[in-house]
């Protein structure tokens, strides 16, 4: 089951060729930093969002790259957006993690995160870890190495969320479900005791399977998405929006995506705006004629009072396609990125920054990636720092060759966009 593997590799993040119409306005967009690649000790392939830790000297952005560093396993970096100065804080070596793929969180001055691979189990690549990092010293601690065969989860690709001092996250595989290698879990980690526990094991049926999205906390419940499972018509299910009671471990399906009609396979998590959840799906939507016949994805909403799902916007290609990132709310307008699509005079397109009015569904392409030393193929969730949005692209930038990103030039970027 579930052979459509969603592990985050640079190959999956490559752009696709879509014919587009008119150029986007990129006047408020800039590349803040272009990564140098692993040969320099710097990172390459940033797919995660950023964390802002503001100090008296201004914003400091912390992030990760999936590859690069001294061992090629990825790094944690610090970037000063005011100057573009970047510092490698930690290089993963494998035993302490490998392939971080989502944003860090700050809890009491320590940074916490996950890596999809690495750790003490599942040789040779490892089943992933939870880690902490002191940003002032660079000291890194492996807090938990995920292990199969014990009911534990494996391969955590999502960010953590802090709820009352306890951290919660998801794993794509593992647990007690009937899928090959397990259907994934929701887990908790207590930094005070060092205890990791499985809160819920997905079973692979109507309850969903294989989450790679982070969770949000709202009204005492955790909300997230699964790539597969549910009652939709896709092979192995189109995915779900679910809730978890962290105190009891009770899981409820808030909505099962149906595929072409309303979206399929959400890589992204959800956000809450006025008791309504908003999210995006990589595929589905429309008639399914675009993006290889699978649909180019949608932005959707789910009303928590009624359970009603609505398609807010259906992507078609020139307006973006295959959104892999969660949305961010800035003053009632939602902002996001798509991994491919957009408008480009060179034919091939490599993703967009877009805004969407959640009330009217009006979508605007703010920037199309891929020209010159621009970034390419974002899957990043944007962050808002004093009115400027920051994110990362997996490829592109001013450095690298035509083959440095599996056929795409450049090692990736950090970018800024001011609406």
Protein backbone atom coordinates (compact mmCIF):
# COMPACT_ATOMS: atom_id res chain seq x y z
CA UNK A 1 0.00 0.00 0.00
CA UNK A 2 0.86 3.65 -0.32
CA UNK A 3 3.74 3.36 -2.75
CA UNK A 4 3.42 7.04 -3.72
CA UNK A 5 6.27 7.90 -1.38
CA UNK A 6 6.38 11.51 -0.22
CA UNK A 7 9.87 11.67 1.28
CA UNK A 8 11.21 15.09 0.44
CA UNK A 9 13.97 14.91 -2.13
CA UNK A 10 15.29 17.50 -4.53
CA UNK A 11 14.05 15.41 -7.44
CA UNK A 12 10.46 15.77 -6.22
CA UNK A 13 10.89 19.51 -5.94
CA UNK A 14 11.93 20.14 -9.55
CA UNK A 15 9.79 22.56 -11.57
CA UNK A 16 7.58 21.55 -14.45
CA UNK A 17 7.10 23.11 -17.87
CA UNK A 18 3.82 25.02 -18.19
CA UNK A 19 3.02 27.56 -20.86
CA UNK A 20 2.08 30.88 -19.26
CA UNK A 21 0.71 34.21 -20.35
CA UNK A 22 1.86 37.47 -18.76
CA UNK A 23 4.87 38.24 -16.54
CA UNK A 24 4.49 38.73 -12.80
CA UNK A 25 5.41 41.90 -10.95
CA UNK A 26 8.60 41.05 -9.02
CA UNK A 27 9.48 44.60 -7.97
CA UNK A 28 9.24 43.86 -4.24
CA UNK A 29 11.04 40.51 -4.38
CA UNK A 30 14.72 39.95 -3.58
CA UNK A 31 17.12 37.09 -2.97
CA UNK A 32 18.60 37.63 0.49
CA UNK A 33 21.08 34.73 0.35
CA UNK A 34 22.19 32.11 -2.18
CA UNK A 35 23.58 28.91 -0.67
CA UNK A 36 27.09 27.84 -1.63
CA UNK A 37 26.65 24.06 -1.68
CA UNK A 38 28.12 21.24 0.37
CA UNK A 39 31.64 21.51 -1.03
CA UNK A 40 32.06 24.80 0.82
CA UNK A 41 30.62 23.48 4.08
CA UNK A 42 27.49 25.53 3.43
CA UNK A 43 24.08 23.96 2.90
CA UNK A 44 22.08 23.13 -0.18
CA UNK A 45 18.45 22.29 -0.83
CA UNK A 46 16.50 24.27 1.78
CA UNK A 47 12.89 23.06 1.77
CA UNK A 48 11.91 24.19 5.26
CA UNK A 49 10.41 27.43 6.44
CA UNK A 50 12.29 29.87 8.66
CA UNK A 51 12.13 30.86 12.31
CA UNK A 52 12.55 34.48 13.41
CA UNK A 53 14.29 35.05 16.72
CA UNK A 54 14.36 38.81 17.27
CA UNK A 55 17.14 40.33 19.34
CA UNK A 56 18.15 43.88 20.21
CA UNK A 57 20.21 43.90 17.01
CA UNK A 58 17.22 43.00 14.84
CA UNK A 59 15.78 39.89 13.22
CA UNK A 60 17.73 36.66 13.12
CA UNK A 61 16.38 33.95 10.85
CA UNK A 62 17.13 30.31 11.62
CA UNK A 63 16.52 27.54 9.12
CA UNK A 64 17.75 24.23 7.75
CA UNK A 65 18.91 22.74 4.48
CA UNK A 66 18.17 19.14 3.62
CA UNK A 67 21.64 18.51 2.23
CA UNK A 68 25.09 20.06 2.30
CA UNK A 69 27.29 20.83 5.24
CA UNK A 70 30.51 18.97 6.09
CA UNK A 71 28.89 15.51 5.72
CA UNK A 72 26.23 16.24 3.12
CA UNK A 73 23.44 15.50 5.62
CA UNK A 74 22.14 19.07 5.98
CA UNK A 75 22.71 22.03 8.26
CA UNK A 76 21.11 24.48 10.66
CA UNK A 77 21.95 28.04 9.65
CA UNK A 78 21.50 31.58 10.93
CA UNK A 79 20.84 34.48 8.57
CA UNK A 80 20.77 38.19 9.32
CA UNK A 81 18.26 39.59 6.81
CA UNK A 82 19.49 43.15 7.24
CA UNK A 83 22.96 42.26 5.89
CA UNK A 84 22.51 38.87 4.19
CA UNK A 85 25.25 37.38 6.41
CA UNK A 86 24.80 33.62 6.85
CA UNK A 87 26.44 31.34 9.44
CA UNK A 88 26.37 27.55 9.65
CA UNK A 89 25.33 26.78 13.23
CA UNK A 90 25.42 22.97 12.96
CA UNK A 91 26.27 20.38 10.30
CA UNK A 92 24.47 17.06 10.66
CA UNK A 93 26.61 13.93 10.33
CA UNK A 94 23.92 11.23 10.20
CA UNK A 95 24.05 9.74 13.69
CA UNK A 96 22.72 13.08 14.97
CA UNK A 97 20.18 13.44 12.15
CA UNK A 98 19.95 13.77 8.42
CA UNK A 99 17.61 15.58 6.01
CA UNK A 100 15.75 18.18 8.10
CA UNK A 101 12.68 19.24 6.16
CA UNK A 102 10.57 21.64 8.21
CA UNK A 103 10.85 24.73 10.35
CA UNK A 104 12.46 24.94 13.78
CA UNK A 105 10.61 26.20 16.85
CA UNK A 106 11.94 28.22 19.79
CA UNK A 107 11.15 26.97 23.30
CA UNK A 108 12.85 28.79 26.14
CA UNK A 109 15.79 29.89 24.02
CA UNK A 110 16.50 26.42 22.59
CA UNK A 111 15.63 25.47 19.02
CA UNK A 112 13.76 22.21 18.50
CA UNK A 113 13.25 20.31 15.27
CA UNK A 114 13.13 16.98 13.48
CA UNK A 115 15.12 15.25 10.77
CA UNK A 116 13.48 12.80 8.40
CA UNK A 117 16.39 10.38 8.50
CA UNK A 118 19.41 9.74 10.72
CA UNK A 119 19.66 8.72 14.32
CA UNK A 120 20.57 5.48 16.06
CA UNK A 121 18.12 3.11 14.35
CA UNK A 122 17.24 1.86 10.83
CA UNK A 123 20.76 1.55 9.44
CA UNK A 124 22.06 2.84 7.13
CA UNK A 125 19.88 5.92 6.66
CA UNK A 126 18.20 6.12 10.09
CA UNK A 127 14.52 6.54 10.94
CA UNK A 128 14.76 10.17 12.03
CA UNK A 129 15.15 12.11 15.25
CA UNK A 130 13.90 14.91 17.47
CA UNK A 131 16.71 17.31 18.38
CA UNK A 132 17.43 20.46 20.32
CA UNK A 133 20.05 23.08 19.51
CA UNK A 134 21.47 25.94 21.53
CA UNK A 135 21.79 28.73 18.95
CA UNK A 136 24.34 30.66 21.03
CA UNK A 137 26.81 27.76 21.30
CA UNK A 138 25.84 25.42 18.46
CA UNK A 139 25.54 22.54 20.93
CA UNK A 140 23.13 19.97 19.53
CA UNK A 141 21.42 17.11 21.38
CA UNK A 142 19.62 14.13 19.88
CA UNK A 143 16.56 13.81 22.10
CA UNK A 144 14.86 10.83 20.49
CA UNK A 145 15.79 8.39 17.72
CA UNK A 146 12.70 6.86 16.15
CA UNK A 147 12.66 3.06 15.99
CA UNK A 148 10.47 0.67 13.98
CA UNK A 149 9.04 -2.55 15.38
CA UNK A 150 8.09 -1.04 18.72
CA UNK A 151 4.98 0.85 17.64
CA UNK A 152 7.04 4.02 17.45
CA UNK A 153 6.78 6.29 14.43
CA UNK A 154 9.45 6.61 11.75
CA UNK A 155 10.55 9.37 9.34
CA UNK A 156 9.36 12.64 10.89
CA UNK A 157 9.38 15.31 8.19
CA UNK A 158 7.18 17.88 9.93
CA UNK A 159 7.76 20.75 12.31
CA UNK A 160 6.88 20.48 16.00
CA UNK A 161 4.28 22.47 17.91
CA UNK A 162 4.61 23.45 21.58
CA UNK A 163 1.46 22.93 23.64
CA UNK A 164 1.88 23.66 27.34
CA UNK A 165 5.55 22.74 27.31
CA UNK A 166 5.06 19.42 25.50
CA UNK A 167 6.05 19.07 21.84
CA UNK A 168 3.83 17.34 19.28
CA UNK A 169 4.62 16.19 15.76
CA UNK A 170 3.89 13.61 13.08
CA UNK A 171 5.78 10.78 11.40
CA UNK A 172 5.15 9.64 7.86
CA UNK A 173 5.60 5.94 8.64
CA UNK A 174 5.71 3.64 11.65
CA UNK A 175 3.07 3.01 14.26
CA UNK A 176 0.67 0.07 14.44
CA UNK A 177 -1.27 0.65 11.21
CA UNK A 178 -1.55 -1.99 8.50
CA UNK A 179 0.35 -0.09 5.77
CA UNK A 180 3.73 -1.36 4.64
CA UNK A 181 6.22 0.16 7.12
CA UNK A 182 3.30 1.56 9.11
CA UNK A 183 0.80 4.32 8.34
CA UNK A 184 2.41 7.02 10.48
CA UNK A 185 1.78 8.53 13.88
CA UNK A 186 1.12 11.61 15.95
CA UNK A 187 3.68 11.69 18.77
CA UNK A 188 4.57 13.79 21.79
CA UNK A 189 7.91 14.63 23.35
CA UNK A 190 8.32 16.07 26.84
CA UNK A 191 11.56 18.11 27.10
CA UNK A 192 11.38 18.01 30.89
CA UNK A 193 11.34 14.20 31.20
CA UNK A 194 12.78 13.14 27.84
CA UNK A 195 9.76 10.91 27.29
CA UNK A 196 8.48 10.30 23.75
CA UNK A 197 5.06 8.72 23.31
CA UNK A 198 2.81 7.77 20.41
CA UNK A 199 -0.43 9.71 20.81
CA UNK A 200 -2.14 8.09 17.81
CA UNK A 201 -1.25 5.51 15.14
CA UNK A 202 -2.98 5.98 11.80
CA UNK A 203 -4.57 2.77 10.59
CA UNK A 204 -4.59 3.54 6.88
CA UNK A 205 -8.33 3.47 6.27
CA UNK A 206 -10.88 6.22 6.68
CA UNK A 207 -8.79 7.72 9.50
CA UNK A 208 -5.98 8.71 7.13
CA UNK A 209 -2.39 7.65 6.51
CA UNK A 210 1.07 9.18 6.12
CA UNK A 211 1.23 12.71 7.47
CA UNK A 212 4.19 14.93 6.59
CA UNK A 213 2.53 18.14 7.77
CA UNK A 214 2.95 19.95 11.06
CA UNK A 215 0.13 20.29 13.56
CA UNK A 216 -1.65 23.36 14.94
CA UNK A 217 -3.28 23.70 18.34
CA UNK A 218 -6.75 25.22 18.53
CA UNK A 219 -9.40 25.02 21.28
CA UNK A 220 -7.66 22.14 23.02
CA UNK A 221 -7.30 19.98 19.92
CA UNK A 222 -4.48 19.35 17.45
CA UNK A 223 -5.32 19.65 13.75
CA UNK A 224 -3.37 18.31 10.79
CA UNK A 225 -3.55 16.55 7.43
CA UNK A 226 -2.67 13.16 5.97
CA UNK A 227 -1.51 12.50 2.41
CA UNK A 228 -3.60 9.36 1.96
CA UNK A 229 -6.53 7.55 3.48
CA UNK A 230 -10.05 8.84 3.99
CA UNK A 231 -13.11 8.15 1.89
CA UNK A 232 -12.01 9.90 -1.31
CA UNK A 233 -11.95 8.20 -4.69
CA UNK A 234 -8.18 8.31 -5.25
CA UNK A 235 -6.24 5.07 -5.17
CA UNK A 236 -5.44 4.54 -1.46
CA UNK A 237 -7.47 7.61 -0.54
CA UNK A 238 -7.05 11.32 -1.27
CA UNK A 239 -6.06 12.37 2.24
CA UNK A 240 -7.77 13.89 5.23
CA UNK A 241 -8.01 16.81 7.61
CA UNK A 242 -8.04 15.40 11.13
CA UNK A 243 -8.16 16.40 14.77
CA UNK A 244 -6.51 14.76 17.78
CA UNK A 245 -7.34 15.19 21.45
CA UNK A 246 -3.82 15.18 22.93
CA UNK A 247 -5.07 14.19 26.37
CA UNK A 248 -7.01 11.12 25.24
CA UNK A 249 -5.46 10.27 21.87
CA UNK A 250 -8.90 10.22 20.23
CA UNK A 251 -8.64 11.01 16.51
CA UNK A 252 -11.51 12.35 14.40
CA UNK A 253 -11.64 12.94 10.66
CA UNK A 254 -12.77 16.52 10.12
CA UNK A 255 -12.97 16.07 6.35
CA UNK A 256 -11.99 13.48 3.74
CA UNK A 257 -10.74 15.02 0.50
CA UNK A 258 -12.43 13.62 -2.60
CA UNK A 259 -9.85 14.17 -5.33
CA UNK A 260 -10.59 15.96 -8.58
CA UNK A 261 -13.62 17.74 -7.17
CA UNK A 262 -12.02 19.32 -4.10
CA UNK A 263 -8.33 18.48 -3.89
CA UNK A 264 -6.06 15.54 -3.13
CA UNK A 265 -2.91 14.76 -1.16
CA UNK A 266 -2.24 17.70 1.19
CA UNK A 267 1.49 18.01 1.86
CA UNK A 268 0.73 21.18 3.80
CA UNK A 269 -0.84 21.60 7.20
CA UNK A 270 -3.76 23.86 8.02
CA UNK A 271 -4.15 27.24 9.70
CA UNK A 272 -7.15 28.56 11.61
CA UNK A 273 -8.92 31.80 10.75
CA UNK A 274 -12.21 32.53 12.48
CA UNK A 275 -13.06 28.90 13.38
CA UNK A 276 -12.36 27.88 9.79
CA UNK A 277 -9.34 25.85 8.72
CA UNK A 278 -7.51 26.75 5.51
CA UNK A 279 -5.11 24.49 3.68
CA UNK A 280 -3.76 23.49 0.27
CA UNK A 281 -3.48 20.24 -1.67
CA UNK A 282 -0.75 19.22 -4.09
CA UNK A 283 -3.22 17.82 -6.63
CA UNK A 284 -6.88 17.60 -7.52
CA UNK A 285 -9.28 20.37 -8.29
CA UNK A 286 -11.12 21.41 -11.44
CA UNK A 287 -11.61 18.80 -14.13
CA UNK A 288 -8.25 17.16 -13.55
CA UNK A 289 -7.05 18.03 -17.05
CA UNK A 290 -4.11 20.11 -15.84
CA UNK A 291 -0.78 18.98 -14.39
CA UNK A 292 -0.68 15.58 -16.04
CA UNK A 293 -4.38 14.94 -15.58
CA UNK A 294 -4.17 14.93 -11.78
CA UNK A 295 -5.19 18.53 -11.22
CA UNK A 296 -2.84 21.33 -10.11
CA UNK A 297 -4.10 21.55 -6.55
CA UNK A 298 -6.45 23.79 -4.56
CA UNK A 299 -6.73 26.06 -1.58
CA UNK A 300 -9.61 24.80 0.55
CA UNK A 301 -11.44 25.71 3.73
CA UNK A 302 -13.24 23.59 6.34
CA UNK A 303 -15.80 25.19 8.64
CA UNK A 304 -15.27 23.61 12.07
CA UNK A 305 -18.82 24.34 13.17
CA UNK A 306 -20.46 22.54 10.26
CA UNK A 307 -17.71 20.31 8.82
CA UNK A 308 -18.40 21.84 5.41
CA UNK A 309 -15.46 21.95 3.01
CA UNK A 310 -15.22 24.57 0.26
CA UNK A 311 -12.73 25.04 -2.55
CA UNK A 312 -11.45 28.61 -2.21
CA UNK A 313 -9.22 28.51 -5.32
CA UNK A 314 -8.33 25.94 -7.96
CA UNK A 315 -4.84 26.25 -9.45
CA UNK A 316 -4.47 25.90 -13.21
CA UNK A 317 -0.75 26.34 -13.96
CA UNK A 318 -0.04 29.98 -14.86
CA UNK A 319 -1.45 30.97 -11.45
CA UNK A 320 0.71 28.35 -9.74
CA UNK A 321 0.51 24.59 -9.31
CA UNK A 322 1.27 21.92 -6.73
CA UNK A 323 1.26 23.96 -3.50
CA UNK A 324 3.25 22.05 -0.85
CA UNK A 325 3.35 24.72 1.85
CA UNK A 326 0.96 25.87 4.54
CA UNK A 327 -0.59 29.32 4.31
CA UNK A 328 0.14 32.34 6.48
CA UNK A 329 -2.41 34.97 7.49
CA UNK A 330 -1.30 38.60 7.27
CA UNK A 331 -4.05 41.05 8.06
CA UNK A 332 -6.81 38.81 6.74
CA UNK A 333 -5.05 37.97 3.46
CA UNK A 334 -3.54 34.52 3.02
CA UNK A 335 -0.10 34.10 1.47
CA UNK A 336 1.56 30.95 0.20
CA UNK A 337 3.91 29.37 -2.32
CA UNK A 338 3.49 26.81 -5.07
CA UNK A 339 6.22 24.37 -5.99
CA UNK A 340 5.69 24.75 -9.74
CA UNK A 341 3.65 26.78 -12.20
CA UNK A 342 3.70 30.52 -12.67
CA UNK A 343 4.54 32.70 -15.64
CA UNK A 344 7.92 32.78 -17.31
CA UNK A 345 9.33 34.01 -20.63
CA UNK A 346 11.63 30.95 -20.75
CA UNK A 347 8.75 28.43 -20.87
CA UNK A 348 9.65 26.25 -17.88
CA UNK A 349 8.14 27.47 -14.61
CA UNK A 350 9.38 26.91 -11.10
CA UNK A 351 6.72 28.05 -8.65
CA UNK A 352 5.11 31.18 -7.29
CA UNK A 353 4.40 33.37 -4.31
CA UNK A 354 0.69 34.07 -4.25
CA UNK A 355 -1.94 35.81 -2.15
CA UNK A 356 -5.56 34.85 -1.78
CA UNK A 357 -8.60 36.57 -0.35
CA UNK A 358 -10.27 33.92 1.82
CA UNK A 359 -13.68 35.53 1.43
CA UNK A 360 -13.82 36.03 -2.33
CA UNK A 361 -11.27 33.43 -3.43
CA UNK A 362 -9.47 36.03 -5.56
CA UNK A 363 -5.88 34.83 -6.10
CA UNK A 364 -2.93 36.98 -7.23
CA UNK A 365 0.47 35.76 -8.39
CA UNK A 366 2.97 38.03 -6.65
CA UNK A 367 6.15 36.47 -7.99
CA UNK A 368 7.05 33.70 -10.44
CA UNK A 369 10.34 31.95 -9.72
CA UNK A 370 13.06 30.83 -12.07
CA UNK A 371 14.60 33.68 -14.05
CA UNK A 372 18.38 34.15 -13.93
CA UNK A 373 19.79 33.80 -10.41
CA UNK A 374 16.31 33.76 -8.88
CA UNK A 375 15.27 30.89 -6.63
CA UNK A 376 13.37 27.85 -7.90
CA UNK A 377 10.90 25.30 -6.55
CA UNK A 378 9.75 26.55 -3.12
CA UNK A 379 7.86 24.33 -0.72
CA UNK A 380 8.31 26.80 2.11
CA UNK A 381 5.72 28.20 4.46
CA UNK A 382 6.31 31.95 4.54
CA UNK A 383 6.93 33.88 7.75
CA UNK A 384 6.00 37.49 8.38
CA UNK A 385 8.72 39.68 9.88
CA UNK A 386 7.57 43.29 10.32
CA UNK A 387 5.57 43.22 7.10
CA UNK A 388 8.13 41.39 4.95
CA UNK A 389 7.59 37.74 4.03
CA UNK A 390 10.62 35.43 4.09
CA UNK A 391 10.98 31.94 2.68
CA UNK A 392 13.32 29.48 0.98
CA UNK A 393 13.64 27.82 -2.41
CA UNK A 394 15.04 24.31 -2.83
CA UNK A 395 17.06 25.22 -5.94
CA UNK A 396 18.17 28.30 -7.86
CA UNK A 397 20.23 31.25 -6.75
CA UNK A 398 23.53 32.76 -7.80
CA UNK A 399 25.72 29.71 -7.15
CA UNK A 400 26.02 26.20 -8.56
CA UNK A 401 25.92 24.64 -12.00
CA UNK A 402 23.20 23.32 -14.26
CA UNK A 403 23.41 19.96 -12.46
CA UNK A 404 23.84 21.14 -8.86
CA UNK A 405 20.17 20.57 -7.98
CA UNK A 406 19.43 17.38 -9.92
CA UNK A 407 19.32 19.19 -13.24
CA UNK A 408 18.34 22.58 -11.83
CA UNK A 409 21.03 25.24 -11.35
CA UNK A 410 21.74 26.69 -7.96
CA UNK A 411 21.84 25.35 -4.42
CA UNK A 412 18.77 27.22 -3.15
CA UNK A 413 18.00 30.61 -1.64
CA UNK A 414 16.46 32.61 1.15
CA UNK A 415 14.19 35.26 -0.33
CA UNK A 416 12.16 38.25 0.83
CA UNK A 417 8.89 39.63 -0.49
CA UNK A 418 7.21 42.79 0.76
CA UNK A 419 3.51 42.96 -0.16
